[in-house]
Structures are given as structure tokens and as C-alpha cells.
Amino acid sequence: VGLGKTIEAGILLKEYFVTGMIRNALILTPPSLRIQWQQELKTKFSL
């Protein structure tokens, strides 16, 4: 806990989108974490 698994996932999502390895993505979370995931990916990775 606290070591940034979400950041690691964000780095990889960004890498895969930029290099064309992926064109779509589905993220499944607990209800309370949906907004947090959306904000983190938007502000830190422009996704």
C-alpha cells in the first residue's frame, strides 16, 4: 500500500496508447475509486 500501483498502471496505459499497442481500455474498480482513477489518469497522463 502506498507505493503507487495506480501510477504504474497509468505509465503503462500511456505507453501502450502512445505506441499504438492498444486502442481501447477498460478499467474496473470499486465504486468509491472511479472518480479517483479518472482524475489521476487525466491530470497525470492526459488520458
All heavy atoms as atom14 arrays in JSON, in Angstrom:
{
  "sequence": "VGLGKTIEAGILLKEYFVTGMIRNALILTPPSLRIQWQQELKTKFSL",
  "atom14_mask": [
    [1, 1, 1, 1, 1, 1, 1, 0, 0, 0, 0, 0, 0, 0],
    [1, 1, 1, 1, 0, 0, 0, 0, 0, 0, 0, 0, 0, 0],
    [1, 1, 1, 1, 1, 1, 1, 1, 0, 0, 0, 0, 0, 0],
    [1, 1, 1, 1, 0, 0, 0, 0, 0, 0, 0, 0, 0, 0],
    [1, 1, 1, 1, 1, 1, 1, 1, 1, 0, 0, 0, 0, 0],
    [1, 1, 1, 1, 1, 1, 1, 0, 0, 0, 0, 0, 0, 0],
    [1, 1, 1, 1, 1, 1, 1, 1, 0, 0, 0, 0, 0, 0],
    [1, 1, 1, 1, 1, 1, 1, 1, 1, 0, 0, 0, 0, 0],
    [1, 1, 1, 1, 1, 0, 0, 0, 0, 0, 0, 0, 0, 0],
    [1, 1, 1, 1, 0, 0, 0, 0, 0, 0, 0, 0, 0, 0],
    [1, 1, 1, 1, 1, 1, 1, 1, 0, 0, 0, 0, 0, 0],
    [1, 1, 1, 1, 1, 1, 1, 1, 0, 0, 0, 0, 0, 0],
    [1, 1, 1, 1, 1, 1, 1, 1, 0, 0, 0, 0, 0, 0],
    [1, 1, 1, 1, 1, 1, 1, 1, 1, 0, 0, 0, 0, 0],
    [1, 1, 1, 1, 1, 1, 1, 1, 1, 0, 0, 0, 0, 0],
    [1, 1, 1, 1, 1, 1, 1, 1, 1, 1, 1, 1, 0, 0],
    [1, 1, 1, 1, 1, 1, 1, 1, 1, 1, 1, 0, 0, 0],
    [1, 1, 1, 1, 1, 1, 1, 0, 0, 0, 0, 0, 0, 0],
    [1, 1, 1, 1, 1, 1, 1, 0, 0, 0, 0, 0, 0, 0],
    [1, 1, 1, 1, 0, 0, 0, 0, 0, 0, 0, 0, 0, 0],
    [1, 1, 1, 1, 1, 1, 1, 1, 0, 0, 0, 0, 0, 0],
    [1, 1, 1, 1, 1, 1, 1, 1, 0, 0, 0, 0, 0, 0],
    [1, 1, 1, 1, 1, 1, 1, 1, 1, 1, 1, 0, 0, 0],
    [1, 1, 1, 1, 1, 1, 1, 1, 0, 0, 0, 0, 0, 0],
    [1, 1, 1, 1, 1, 0, 0, 0, 0, 0, 0, 0, 0, 0],
    [1, 1, 1, 1, 1, 1, 1, 1, 0, 0, 0, 0, 0, 0],
    [1, 1, 1, 1, 1, 1, 1, 1, 0, 0, 0, 0, 0, 0],
    [1, 1, 1, 1, 1, 1, 1, 1, 0, 0, 0, 0, 0, 0],
    [1, 1, 1, 1, 1, 1, 1, 0, 0, 0, 0, 0, 0, 0],
    [1, 1, 1, 1, 1, 1, 1, 0, 0, 0, 0, 0, 0, 0],
    [1, 1, 1, 1, 1, 1, 1, 0, 0, 0, 0, 0, 0, 0],
    [1, 1, 1, 1, 1, 1, 0, 0, 0, 0, 0, 0, 0, 0],
    [1, 1, 1, 1, 1, 1, 1, 1, 0, 0, 0, 0, 0, 0],
    [1, 1, 1, 1, 1, 1, 1, 1, 1, 1, 1, 0, 0, 0],
    [1, 1, 1, 1, 1, 1, 1, 1, 0, 0, 0, 0, 0, 0],
    [1, 1, 1, 1, 1, 1, 1, 1, 1, 0, 0, 0, 0, 0],
    [1, 1, 1, 1, 1, 1, 1, 1, 1, 1, 1, 1, 1, 1],
    [1, 1, 1, 1, 1, 1, 1, 1, 1, 0, 0, 0, 0, 0],
    [1, 1, 1, 1, 1, 1, 1, 1, 1, 0, 0, 0, 0, 0],
    [1, 1, 1, 1, 1, 1, 1, 1, 1, 0, 0, 0, 0, 0],
    [1, 1, 1, 1, 1, 1, 1, 1, 0, 0, 0, 0, 0, 0],
    [1, 1, 1, 1, 1, 1, 1, 1, 1, 0, 0, 0, 0, 0],
    [1, 1, 1, 1, 1, 1, 1, 0, 0, 0, 0, 0, 0, 0],
    [1, 1, 1, 1, 1, 1, 1, 1, 1, 0, 0, 0, 0, 0],
    [1, 1, 1, 1, 1, 1, 1, 1, 1, 1, 1, 0, 0, 0],
    [1, 1, 1, 1, 1, 1, 0, 0, 0, 0, 0, 0, 0, 0],
    [1, 1, 1, 1, 1, 1, 1, 1, 0, 0, 0, 0, 0, 0]
  ],
  "atom14_positions": [
    [[0.84, -1.2, 0.0], [0.0, 0.0, 0.0], [0.88, 1.26, 0.0], [1.87, 1.35, 0.73], [-0.91, 0.01, 1.24], [-1.69, 1.32, 1.32], [-1.89, -1.16, 1.18], [0.0, 0.0, 0.0], [0.0, 0.0, 0.0], [0.0, 0.0, 0.0], [0.0, 0.0, 0.0], [0.0, 0.0, 0.0], [0.0, 0.0, 0.0], [0.0, 0.0, 0.0]],
    [[0.52, 2.21, -0.85], [1.2, 3.5, -0.87], [2.38, 3.6, -1.8], [3.02, 4.66, -1.88], [0.0, 0.0, 0.0], [0.0, 0.0, 0.0], [0.0, 0.0, 0.0], [0.0, 0.0, 0.0], [0.0, 0.0, 0.0], [0.0, 0.0, 0.0], [0.0, 0.0, 0.0], [0.0, 0.0, 0.0], [0.0, 0.0, 0.0], [0.0, 0.0, 0.0]],
    [[2.68, 2.54, -2.56], [3.85, 2.57, -3.43], [3.5, 2.87, -4.89], [4.38, 2.87, -5.75], [4.62, 1.24, -3.34], [5.2, 0.92, -1.96], [6.09, -0.32, -2.03], [5.99, 2.1, -1.41], [0.0, 0.0, 0.0], [0.0, 0.0, 0.0], [0.0, 0.0, 0.0], [0.0, 0.0, 0.0], [0.0, 0.0, 0.0], [0.0, 0.0, 0.0]],
    [[2.22, 3.11, -5.17], [1.86, 3.63, -6.49], [1.53, 2.63, -7.57], [2.0, 2.75, -8.71], [0.0, 0.0, 0.0], [0.0, 0.0, 0.0], [0.0, 0.0, 0.0], [0.0, 0.0, 0.0], [0.0, 0.0, 0.0], [0.0, 0.0, 0.0], [0.0, 0.0, 0.0], [0.0, 0.0, 0.0], [0.0, 0.0, 0.0], [0.0, 0.0, 0.0]],
    [[0.71, 1.64, -7.24], [0.28, 0.69, -8.29], [-0.53, 1.4, -9.37], [-0.43, 1.07, -10.55], [-0.55, -0.43, -7.65], [0.23, -1.33, -6.73], [-0.61, -2.47, -6.18], [-1.69, -1.96, -5.23], [-1.13, -1.33, -4.03], [0.0, 0.0, 0.0], [0.0, 0.0, 0.0], [0.0, 0.0, 0.0], [0.0, 0.0, 0.0], [0.0, 0.0, 0.0]],
    [[-1.34, 2.39, -8.97], [-2.13, 3.15, -9.93], [-1.23, 3.9, -10.9], [-1.5, 3.97, -12.1], [-3.07, 4.13, -9.2], [-3.88, 3.42, -8.27], [-3.97, 4.85, -10.19], [0.0, 0.0, 0.0], [0.0, 0.0, 0.0], [0.0, 0.0, 0.0], [0.0, 0.0, 0.0], [0.0, 0.0, 0.0], [0.0, 0.0, 0.0], [0.0, 0.0, 0.0]],
    [[-0.14, 4.47, -10.38], [0.82, 5.18, -11.22], [1.47, 4.22, -12.22], [1.62, 4.54, -13.4], [1.9, 5.87, -10.37], [1.26, 6.95, -9.48], [2.97, 6.49, -11.25], [0.62, 8.09, -10.24], [0.0, 0.0, 0.0], [0.0, 0.0, 0.0], [0.0, 0.0, 0.0], [0.0, 0.0, 0.0], [0.0, 0.0, 0.0], [0.0, 0.0, 0.0]],
    [[1.84, 3.04, -11.75], [2.45, 2.05, -12.64], [1.5, 1.69, -13.77], [1.9, 1.59, -14.94], [2.84, 0.81, -11.84], [3.98, 1.06, -10.87], [4.19, -0.07, -9.88], [3.49, -1.1, -9.97], [5.06, 0.07, -8.99], [0.0, 0.0, 0.0], [0.0, 0.0, 0.0], [0.0, 0.0, 0.0], [0.0, 0.0, 0.0], [0.0, 0.0, 0.0]],
    [[0.23, 1.49, -13.42], [-0.77, 1.18, -14.44], [-0.94, 2.35, -15.4], [-1.07, 2.15, -16.62], [-2.1, 0.83, -13.78], [0.0, 0.0, 0.0], [0.0, 0.0, 0.0], [0.0, 0.0, 0.0], [0.0, 0.0, 0.0], [0.0, 0.0, 0.0], [0.0, 0.0, 0.0], [0.0, 0.0, 0.0], [0.0, 0.0, 0.0], [0.0, 0.0, 0.0]],
    [[-0.93, 3.58, -14.87], [-1.06, 4.77, -15.71], [0.1, 4.92, -16.67], [-0.08, 5.28, -17.85], [0.0, 0.0, 0.0], [0.0, 0.0, 0.0], [0.0, 0.0, 0.0], [0.0, 0.0, 0.0], [0.0, 0.0, 0.0], [0.0, 0.0, 0.0], [0.0, 0.0, 0.0], [0.0, 0.0, 0.0], [0.0, 0.0, 0.0], [0.0, 0.0, 0.0]],
    [[1.32, 4.67, -16.19], [2.5, 4.73, -17.06], [2.34, 3.77, -18.23], [2.59, 4.12, -19.39], [3.78, 4.37, -16.26], [4.07, 5.45, -15.21], [4.97, 4.21, -17.2], [5.18, 5.06, -14.25], [0.0, 0.0, 0.0], [0.0, 0.0, 0.0], [0.0, 0.0, 0.0], [0.0, 0.0, 0.0], [0.0, 0.0, 0.0], [0.0, 0.0, 0.0]],
    [[1.91, 2.57, -17.93], [1.78, 1.55, -18.98], [0.64, 1.86, -19.94], [0.76, 1.66, -21.15], [1.58, 0.18, -18.33], [2.86, -0.4, -17.73], [2.56, -1.45, -16.68], [3.73, -1.0, -18.84], [0.0, 0.0, 0.0], [0.0, 0.0, 0.0], [0.0, 0.0, 0.0], [0.0, 0.0, 0.0], [0.0, 0.0, 0.0], [0.0, 0.0, 0.0]],
    [[-0.47, 2.35, -19.41], [-1.58, 2.73, -20.29], [-1.14, 3.82, -21.27], [-1.42, 3.75, -22.46], [-2.76, 3.22, -19.45], [-3.59, 2.15, -18.74], [-4.53, 2.78, -17.73], [-4.38, 1.32, -19.75], [0.0, 0.0, 0.0], [0.0, 0.0, 0.0], [0.0, 0.0, 0.0], [0.0, 0.0, 0.0], [0.0, 0.0, 0.0], [0.0, 0.0, 0.0]],
    [[-0.43, 4.81, -20.74], [0.06, 5.9, -21.59], [1.04, 5.36, -22.64], [0.95, 5.7, -23.82], [0.75, 6.94, -20.72], [1.24, 8.17, -21.5], [0.09, 9.04, -21.95], [0.6, 10.34, -22.55], [-0.51, 11.22, -22.97], [0.0, 0.0, 0.0], [0.0, 0.0, 0.0], [0.0, 0.0, 0.0], [0.0, 0.0, 0.0], [0.0, 0.0, 0.0]],
    [[1.97, 4.52, -22.21], [2.95, 3.92, -23.12], [2.26, 3.12, -24.23], [2.6, 3.24, -25.42], [3.89, 3.01, -22.33], [4.88, 2.22, -23.17], [6.06, 3.03, -23.66], [6.19, 4.19, -23.22], [6.85, 2.52, -24.46], [0.0, 0.0, 0.0], [0.0, 0.0, 0.0], [0.0, 0.0, 0.0], [0.0, 0.0, 0.0], [0.0, 0.0, 0.0]],
    [[1.28, 2.34, -23.86], [0.6, 1.49, -24.84], [-0.23, 2.31, -25.82], [-0.28, 2.0, -27.02], [-0.29, 0.47, -24.13], [0.46, -0.68, -23.49], [-0.21, -1.66, -22.77], [1.84, -0.8, -23.6], [0.46, -2.73, -22.19], [2.52, -1.86, -23.03], [1.83, -2.82, -22.32], [2.51, -3.87, -21.75], [0.0, 0.0, 0.0], [0.0, 0.0, 0.0]],
    [[-0.89, 3.36, -25.33], [-1.66, 4.2, -26.24], [-0.74, 4.96, -27.19], [-1.01, 5.05, -28.39], [-2.53, 5.19, -25.44], [-3.88, 4.67, -25.07], [-4.24, 4.52, -23.73], [-4.81, 4.31, -26.03], [-5.48, 4.04, -23.37], [-6.07, 3.83, -25.69], [-6.4, 3.69, -24.35], [0.0, 0.0, 0.0], [0.0, 0.0, 0.0], [0.0, 0.0, 0.0]],
    [[0.33, 5.53, -26.67], [1.25, 6.33, -27.48], [1.9, 5.49, -28.57], [2.07, 5.93, -29.71], [2.32, 7.0, -26.59], [3.47, 7.57, -27.44], [1.7, 8.11, -25.75], [0.0, 0.0, 0.0], [0.0, 0.0, 0.0], [0.0, 0.0, 0.0], [0.0, 0.0, 0.0], [0.0, 0.0, 0.0], [0.0, 0.0, 0.0], [0.0, 0.0, 0.0]],
    [[2.29, 4.27, -28.24], [2.98, 3.42, -29.21], [2.03, 2.63, -30.1], [2.48, 1.86, -30.96], [3.91, 2.42, -28.48], [3.14, 1.63, -27.55], [5.01, 3.15, -27.72], [0.0, 0.0, 0.0], [0.0, 0.0, 0.0], [0.0, 0.0, 0.0], [0.0, 0.0, 0.0], [0.0, 0.0, 0.0], [0.0, 0.0, 0.0], [0.0, 0.0, 0.0]],
    [[0.75, 2.82, -29.91], [-0.22, 2.14, -30.76], [-0.45, 0.67, -30.42], [-1.08, -0.05, -31.19], [0.0, 0.0, 0.0], [0.0, 0.0, 0.0], [0.0, 0.0, 0.0], [0.0, 0.0, 0.0], [0.0, 0.0, 0.0], [0.0, 0.0, 0.0], [0.0, 0.0, 0.0], [0.0, 0.0, 0.0], [0.0, 0.0, 0.0], [0.0, 0.0, 0.0]],
    [[0.03, 0.24, -29.25], [-0.16, -1.16, -28.86], [-1.59, -1.43, -28.41], [-2.06, -2.56, -28.44], [0.81, -1.52, -27.75], [2.27, -1.51, -28.2], [3.43, -1.79, -26.84], [3.1, -3.53, -26.5], [0.0, 0.0, 0.0], [0.0, 0.0, 0.0], [0.0, 0.0, 0.0], [0.0, 0.0, 0.0], [0.0, 0.0, 0.0], [0.0, 0.0, 0.0]],
    [[-2.3, -0.38, -27.97], [-3.7, -0.53, -27.61], [-4.5, 0.63, -28.21], [-3.98, 1.72, -28.43], [-3.92, -0.56, -26.08], [-3.48, 0.75, -25.43], [-3.21, -1.74, -25.46], [-3.81, 0.84, -23.95], [0.0, 0.0, 0.0], [0.0, 0.0, 0.0], [0.0, 0.0, 0.0], [0.0, 0.0, 0.0], [0.0, 0.0, 0.0], [0.0, 0.0, 0.0]],
    [[-5.77, 0.35, -28.46], [-6.68, 1.38, -28.96], [-7.89, 1.56, -28.05], [-8.63, 2.52, -28.19], [-7.14, 1.02, -30.38], [-6.04, 1.11, -31.43], [-6.47, 0.53, -32.75], [-6.66, -0.93, -32.66], [-7.02, -1.69, -33.67], [-7.23, -1.15, -34.86], [-7.16, -3.0, -33.51], [0.0, 0.0, 0.0], [0.0, 0.0, 0.0], [0.0, 0.0, 0.0]],
    [[-8.11, 0.61, -27.15], [-9.19, 0.78, -26.18], [-8.77, 0.18, -24.84], [-7.82, -0.61, -24.77], [-10.5, 0.17, -26.68], [-10.41, -1.34, -26.89], [-9.55, -2.02, -26.32], [-11.3, -1.88, -27.7], [0.0, 0.0, 0.0], [0.0, 0.0, 0.0], [0.0, 0.0, 0.0], [0.0, 0.0, 0.0], [0.0, 0.0, 0.0], [0.0, 0.0, 0.0]],
    [[-9.46, 0.57, -23.78], [-9.09, 0.12, -22.44], [-10.31, 0.16, -21.53], [-11.12, 1.09, -21.59], [-7.99, 1.0, -21.85], [0.0, 0.0, 0.0], [0.0, 0.0, 0.0], [0.0, 0.0, 0.0], [0.0, 0.0, 0.0], [0.0, 0.0, 0.0], [0.0, 0.0, 0.0], [0.0, 0.0, 0.0], [0.0, 0.0, 0.0], [0.0, 0.0, 0.0]],
    [[-10.41, -0.86, -20.68], [-11.48, -0.94, -19.69], [-10.84, -1.04, -18.31], [-9.99, -1.89, -18.07], [-12.34, -2.18, -19.94], [-13.38, -2.54, -18.86], [-14.45, -1.46, -18.75], [-14.01, -3.91, -19.14], [0.0, 0.0, 0.0], [0.0, 0.0, 0.0], [0.0, 0.0, 0.0], [0.0, 0.0, 0.0], [0.0, 0.0, 0.0], [0.0, 0.0, 0.0]],
    [[-11.26, -0.16, -17.4], [-10.76, -0.17, -16.03], [-11.92, -0.48, -15.09], [-12.95, 0.19, -15.12], [-10.12, 1.18, -15.65], [-8.95, 1.49, -16.58], [-9.66, 1.17, -14.2], [-8.31, 2.85, -16.34], [0.0, 0.0, 0.0], [0.0, 0.0, 0.0], [0.0, 0.0, 0.0], [0.0, 0.0, 0.0], [0.0, 0.0, 0.0], [0.0, 0.0, 0.0]],
    [[-11.75, -1.51, -14.26], [-12.78, -1.94, -13.33], [-12.28, -1.67, -11.9], [-11.21, -2.14, -11.53], [-13.08, -3.43, -13.52], [-13.56, -3.82, -14.92], [-13.59, -5.34, -15.07], [-14.93, -3.23, -15.21], [0.0, 0.0, 0.0], [0.0, 0.0, 0.0], [0.0, 0.0, 0.0], [0.0, 0.0, 0.0], [0.0, 0.0, 0.0], [0.0, 0.0, 0.0]],
    [[-13.06, -0.94, -11.13], [-12.65, -0.52, -9.79], [-13.8, -0.67, -8.81], [-14.96, -0.84, -9.21], [-12.2, 0.96, -9.78], [-13.37, 1.8, -9.79], [-11.34, 1.29, -10.98], [0.0, 0.0, 0.0], [0.0, 0.0, 0.0], [0.0, 0.0, 0.0], [0.0, 0.0, 0.0], [0.0, 0.0, 0.0], [0.0, 0.0, 0.0], [0.0, 0.0, 0.0]],
    [[-13.53, -0.56, -7.51], [-14.63, -0.38, -6.56], [-15.34, 0.95, -6.85], [-14.71, 1.88, -7.37], [-13.91, -0.33, -5.2], [-12.62, -1.04, -5.42], [-12.23, -0.71, -6.84], [0.0, 0.0, 0.0], [0.0, 0.0, 0.0], [0.0, 0.0, 0.0], [0.0, 0.0, 0.0], [0.0, 0.0, 0.0], [0.0, 0.0, 0.0], [0.0, 0.0, 0.0]],
    [[-16.64, 1.06, -6.56], [-17.37, 2.29, -6.88], [-16.72, 3.56, -6.33], [-16.71, 4.59, -6.99], [-18.75, 2.04, -6.24], [-18.89, 0.55, -6.21], [-17.51, 0.02, -5.98], [0.0, 0.0, 0.0], [0.0, 0.0, 0.0], [0.0, 0.0, 0.0], [0.0, 0.0, 0.0], [0.0, 0.0, 0.0], [0.0, 0.0, 0.0], [0.0, 0.0, 0.0]],
    [[-16.16, 3.47, -5.13], [-15.6, 4.65, -4.49], [-14.31, 5.15, -5.14], [-13.86, 6.26, -4.86], [-15.31, 4.35, -3.02], [-14.39, 3.28, -2.88], [0.0, 0.0, 0.0], [0.0, 0.0, 0.0], [0.0, 0.0, 0.0], [0.0, 0.0, 0.0], [0.0, 0.0, 0.0], [0.0, 0.0, 0.0], [0.0, 0.0, 0.0], [0.0, 0.0, 0.0]],
    [[-13.72, 4.36, -6.03], [-12.42, 4.73, -6.62], [-12.53, 5.17, -8.08], [-11.52, 5.52, -8.7], [-11.44, 3.56, -6.52], [-11.05, 3.12, -5.11], [-10.06, 1.95, -5.17], [-10.44, 4.28, -4.33], [0.0, 0.0, 0.0], [0.0, 0.0, 0.0], [0.0, 0.0, 0.0], [0.0, 0.0, 0.0], [0.0, 0.0, 0.0], [0.0, 0.0, 0.0]],
    [[-13.74, 5.16, -8.63], [-13.88, 5.51, -10.05], [-13.39, 6.92, -10.35], [-12.61, 7.14, -11.27], [-15.34, 5.36, -10.48], [-15.78, 3.95, -10.75], [-17.24, 3.88, -11.11], [-18.07, 4.49, -10.07], [-19.38, 4.33, -9.98], [-20.01, 3.59, -10.87], [-20.07, 4.89, -9.02], [0.0, 0.0, 0.0], [0.0, 0.0, 0.0], [0.0, 0.0, 0.0]],
    [[-13.88, 7.88, -9.57], [-13.52, 9.28, -9.82], [-12.03, 9.49, -9.61], [-11.38, 10.22, -10.37], [-14.34, 10.22, -8.9], [-15.82, 10.15, -9.28], [-13.84, 11.64, -9.0], [-16.72, 10.98, -8.39], [0.0, 0.0, 0.0], [0.0, 0.0, 0.0], [0.0, 0.0, 0.0], [0.0, 0.0, 0.0], [0.0, 0.0, 0.0], [0.0, 0.0, 0.0]],
    [[-11.46, 8.86, -8.59], [-10.03, 8.98, -8.33], [-9.21, 8.49, -9.52], [-8.24, 9.13, -9.94], [-9.65, 8.2, -7.08], [-8.16, 8.26, -6.75], [-7.82, 7.46, -5.5], [-8.62, 7.36, -4.57], [-6.63, 6.89, -5.48], [0.0, 0.0, 0.0], [0.0, 0.0, 0.0], [0.0, 0.0, 0.0], [0.0, 0.0, 0.0], [0.0, 0.0, 0.0]],
    [[-9.59, 7.35, -10.08], [-8.9, 6.83, -11.25], [-9.02, 7.8, -12.43], [-8.04, 8.08, -13.12], [-9.47, 5.47, -11.65], [-8.75, 4.31, -11.04], [-9.0, 3.71, -9.85], [-7.64, 3.61, -11.61], [-8.13, 2.68, -9.63], [-7.28, 2.58, -10.68], [-6.91, 3.73, -12.79], [-6.22, 1.7, -10.93], [-5.87, 2.85, -13.03], [-5.53, 1.85, -12.1]],
    [[-10.22, 8.32, -12.64], [-10.42, 9.24, -13.76], [-9.56, 10.49, -13.61], [-8.91, 10.93, -14.57], [-11.9, 9.64, -13.84], [-12.22, 10.53, -15.04], [-13.64, 11.07, -14.98], [-14.09, 11.56, -13.93], [-14.36, 10.98, -16.09], [0.0, 0.0, 0.0], [0.0, 0.0, 0.0], [0.0, 0.0, 0.0], [0.0, 0.0, 0.0], [0.0, 0.0, 0.0]],
    [[-9.52, 11.06, -12.41], [-8.75, 12.27, -12.17], [-7.24, 12.02, -12.3], [-6.52, 12.84, -12.89], [-9.09, 12.84, -10.8], [-10.51, 13.36, -10.69], [-10.87, 13.81, -9.28], [-10.2, 13.46, -8.31], [-11.94, 14.57, -9.16], [0.0, 0.0, 0.0], [0.0, 0.0, 0.0], [0.0, 0.0, 0.0], [0.0, 0.0, 0.0], [0.0, 0.0, 0.0]],
    [[-6.77, 10.9, -11.75], [-5.33, 10.59, -11.82], [-4.88, 10.43, -13.27], [-3.84, 10.95, -13.68], [-5.04, 9.3, -11.05], [-5.2, 9.44, -9.55], [-3.86, 9.51, -8.82], [-2.91, 8.83, -9.24], [-3.79, 10.27, -7.85], [0.0, 0.0, 0.0], [0.0, 0.0, 0.0], [0.0, 0.0, 0.0], [0.0, 0.0, 0.0], [0.0, 0.0, 0.0]],
    [[-5.65, 9.7, -14.05], [-5.26, 9.45, -15.43], [-5.36, 10.72, -16.28], [-4.56, 10.91, -17.21], [-6.14, 8.35, -16.04], [-5.94, 6.95, -15.43], [-6.96, 5.98, -15.99], [-4.52, 6.44, -15.7], [0.0, 0.0, 0.0], [0.0, 0.0, 0.0], [0.0, 0.0, 0.0], [0.0, 0.0, 0.0], [0.0, 0.0, 0.0], [0.0, 0.0, 0.0]],
    [[-6.3, 11.58, -15.95], [-6.47, 12.83, -16.7], [-5.37, 13.82, -16.37], [-4.72, 14.39, -17.27], [-7.84, 13.43, -16.39], [-8.12, 14.76, -17.08], [-8.21, 14.61, -18.58], [-8.61, 15.93, -19.24], [-8.66, 15.82, -20.71], [0.0, 0.0, 0.0], [0.0, 0.0, 0.0], [0.0, 0.0, 0.0], [0.0, 0.0, 0.0], [0.0, 0.0, 0.0]],
    [[-5.13, 14.07, -15.09], [-4.18, 15.1, -14.68], [-2.72, 14.69, -14.86], [-1.87, 15.52, -15.18], [-4.41, 15.5, -13.21], [-4.26, 14.33, -12.37], [-5.8, 16.06, -13.01], [0.0, 0.0, 0.0], [0.0, 0.0, 0.0], [0.0, 0.0, 0.0], [0.0, 0.0, 0.0], [0.0, 0.0, 0.0], [0.0, 0.0, 0.0], [0.0, 0.0, 0.0]],
    [[-2.42, 13.4, -14.67], [-1.03, 12.96, -14.7], [-0.61, 12.36, -16.04], [0.58, 12.38, -16.38], [-0.78, 11.95, -13.58], [-0.94, 12.55, -12.19], [-0.69, 11.54, -11.1], [-0.83, 12.2, -9.72], [-0.66, 11.24, -8.61], [0.0, 0.0, 0.0], [0.0, 0.0, 0.0], [0.0, 0.0, 0.0], [0.0, 0.0, 0.0], [0.0, 0.0, 0.0]],
    [[-1.57, 11.83, -16.79], [-1.19, 11.14, -18.03], [-1.97, 11.64, -19.25], [-1.8, 11.1, -20.34], [-1.41, 9.63, -17.87], [-0.63, 9.04, -16.74], [-1.24, 8.78, -15.51], [0.72, 8.75, -16.88], [-0.52, 8.23, -14.46], [1.45, 8.2, -15.83], [0.83, 7.95, -14.62], [0.0, 0.0, 0.0], [0.0, 0.0, 0.0], [0.0, 0.0, 0.0]],
    [[-2.83, 12.65, -19.06], [-3.63, 13.2, -20.16], [-4.45, 12.13, -20.87], [-4.6, 12.15, -22.09], [-2.73, 13.93, -21.17], [-2.05, 15.0, -20.56], [0.0, 0.0, 0.0], [0.0, 0.0, 0.0], [0.0, 0.0, 0.0], [0.0, 0.0, 0.0], [0.0, 0.0, 0.0], [0.0, 0.0, 0.0], [0.0, 0.0, 0.0], [0.0, 0.0, 0.0]],
    [[-4.96, 11.18, -20.1], [-5.83, 10.13, -20.63], [-7.25, 10.4, -20.13], [-7.51, 10.41, -18.93], [-5.36, 8.75, -20.16], [-3.98, 8.31, -20.65], [-3.57, 6.99, -19.99], [-3.95, 8.17, -22.17], [0.0, 0.0, 0.0], [0.0, 0.0, 0.0], [0.0, 0.0, 0.0], [0.0, 0.0, 0.0], [0.0, 0.0, 0.0], [0.0, 0.0, 0.0]]
  ]
}
